[in-house]
Structures are given as structure tokens and as C-alpha cells.
Amino acid sequence: MKSLPFLRNEKKNKVVVTCVGGEVSVHSYCAYCRHCKGVRVGSRIVATPQMQALNDVRKGIAADENLMNAAMLFNTLVRDGSAIECDDDQNNGYLGLY
């Protein structure tokens, strides 16, 4: 597992990380990538809420709106965090979650 530090652009209100294909948006790519395992907030690693929400929807125990709530929670974690925890050790790049 590797840690990809955030590169913040405060003027554009954008957060990117350096991935296999270059710099990618955390909100557009990492949030929906199977390799994303969590967000580093301080010294802790917080698991991505999208994975749990997706599993609950697939099992039929949660509503689809839980995915939207999970995405909003992910954005909050990114705001407070410093890096993405990525398990793409083979450097394959983005792999869609849905």
C-alpha cells in the first residue's frame, strides 16, 4: 500500500494526487477507484465510505442515496486529510468502482 500526498490548489479549490497517468483529481478519480482504501487524516487512516455504502446497496440493506452521502463524507475527509492510501502496487492506474 502506498500513500499519495495531496497537492492542493487553493485558488481553484482543487485537490490532486500524482497517479500512474499523471496528476488526477481526488474528487473525480480517487473517490471512484477500487484502489483507494482510505484517506490519511492526521496520523489515522480513515476507510473510504463509498466501499461500505456500495456493499450495503448491493446486499439490499441500504438505499441508493447512501452512495451520495458516502461521497459527501469522502469530500469532508479529503478537506481534512493529507493523503490517499492506495493499494495499486502494480501501478495499473484507475480502476472504476462501479
Protein backbone atom coordinates (compact mmCIF):
# COMPACT_ATOMS: atom_id res chain seq x y z
CA MET A 1 0.00 0.00 0.00
CA LYS A 2 1.30 3.42 -0.86
CA SER A 3 0.43 6.87 0.34
CA LEU A 4 -0.22 9.57 -2.30
CA PRO A 5 0.12 13.05 -0.75
CA PHE A 6 -2.40 15.74 -1.69
CA LEU A 7 -1.34 18.60 -3.93
CA ARG A 8 -3.75 21.42 -3.15
CA ASN A 9 -4.60 24.36 -5.39
CA GLU A 10 -6.42 26.77 -3.09
CA LYS A 11 -7.25 29.22 -5.90
CA LYS A 12 -9.15 26.60 -7.91
CA ASN A 13 -10.32 24.72 -4.79
CA LYS A 14 -8.88 21.51 -6.27
CA VAL A 15 -7.02 18.59 -4.71
CA VAL A 16 -4.93 16.28 -6.90
CA VAL A 17 -2.54 13.38 -6.41
CA THR A 18 0.19 12.02 -8.66
CA CYS A 19 -1.03 8.73 -10.10
CA VAL A 20 0.24 6.50 -12.92
CA GLY A 21 -1.21 8.72 -15.65
CA GLY A 22 -0.05 11.97 -14.04
CA GLU A 23 -1.94 14.30 -11.74
CA VAL A 24 -5.57 13.28 -11.17
CA SER A 25 -8.37 14.87 -9.17
CA VAL A 26 -9.02 13.19 -5.84
CA HIS A 27 -12.72 14.08 -6.03
CA SER A 28 -13.21 12.75 -9.58
CA TYR A 29 -10.86 9.75 -9.72
CA CYS A 30 -9.75 8.50 -6.31
CA ALA A 31 -13.27 8.68 -4.91
CA TYR A 32 -14.44 6.17 -7.52
CA CYS A 33 -11.34 3.96 -7.81
CA ARG A 34 -11.13 0.42 -6.43
CA HIS A 35 -7.52 1.03 -5.37
CA CYS A 36 -8.46 3.82 -2.95
CA LYS A 37 -8.52 2.32 0.52
CA GLY A 38 -8.66 5.40 2.70
CA VAL A 39 -7.75 8.98 3.48
CA ARG A 40 -4.94 9.88 5.85
CA VAL A 41 -6.30 12.37 8.40
CA GLY A 42 -3.59 13.29 10.88
CA SER A 43 -1.95 10.03 11.94
CA ARG A 44 -5.05 7.91 11.22
CA ILE A 45 -6.22 6.26 8.03
CA VAL A 46 -9.98 6.53 7.58
CA ALA A 47 -11.51 3.92 5.26
CA THR A 48 -13.40 5.21 2.24
CA PRO A 49 -17.12 5.38 2.99
CA GLN A 50 -18.03 4.58 -0.64
CA MET A 51 -16.92 0.96 -0.34
CA GLN A 52 -19.15 0.25 2.67
CA ALA A 53 -22.11 2.08 1.10
CA LEU A 54 -21.69 0.19 -2.18
CA ASN A 55 -21.56 -3.15 -0.38
CA ASP A 56 -24.72 -2.26 1.59
CA VAL A 57 -26.58 -1.25 -1.58
CA ARG A 58 -25.56 -4.47 -3.33
CA LYS A 59 -26.82 -6.51 -0.39
CA GLY A 60 -30.12 -4.61 -0.46
CA ILE A 61 -29.80 -3.27 3.08
CA ALA A 62 -29.36 0.40 2.15
CA ALA A 63 -30.88 2.95 -0.19
CA ASP A 64 -29.09 4.34 -3.24
CA GLU A 65 -28.95 7.73 -1.54
CA ASN A 66 -26.38 6.26 0.86
CA LEU A 67 -23.87 6.39 -2.00
CA MET A 68 -24.40 10.16 -2.27
CA ASN A 69 -23.98 10.56 1.48
CA ALA A 70 -20.79 8.50 1.33
CA ALA A 71 -19.41 10.71 -1.44
CA MET A 72 -20.12 13.83 0.63
CA LEU A 73 -18.38 12.26 3.63
CA PHE A 74 -15.39 11.41 1.42
CA ASN A 75 -15.16 15.07 0.37
CA THR A 76 -15.10 16.08 4.03
CA LEU A 77 -12.30 13.59 4.72
CA VAL A 78 -10.31 14.99 1.78
CA ARG A 79 -10.78 18.53 3.12
CA ASP A 80 -9.31 17.50 6.47
CA GLY A 81 -6.81 14.94 5.18
CA SER A 82 -3.29 14.98 3.79
CA ALA A 83 -3.02 11.87 1.56
CA ILE A 84 -4.80 8.99 -0.16
CA GLU A 85 -3.94 5.42 0.79
CA CYS A 86 -3.74 3.43 -2.46
CA ASP A 87 -3.23 -0.31 -2.90
CA ASP A 88 -2.17 -0.04 -6.57
CA ASP A 89 1.28 -1.57 -6.04
CA GLN A 90 1.47 -2.80 -9.64
CA ASN A 91 0.90 0.77 -10.97
CA ASN A 92 -2.13 -0.16 -13.08
CA GLY A 93 -3.82 3.20 -12.54
CA TYR A 94 -7.51 3.97 -12.23
CA LEU A 95 -9.90 1.03 -11.89
CA GLY A 96 -13.58 2.00 -11.70
CA LEU A 97 -15.54 1.23 -8.56
CA TYR A 98 -18.97 0.99 -10.20
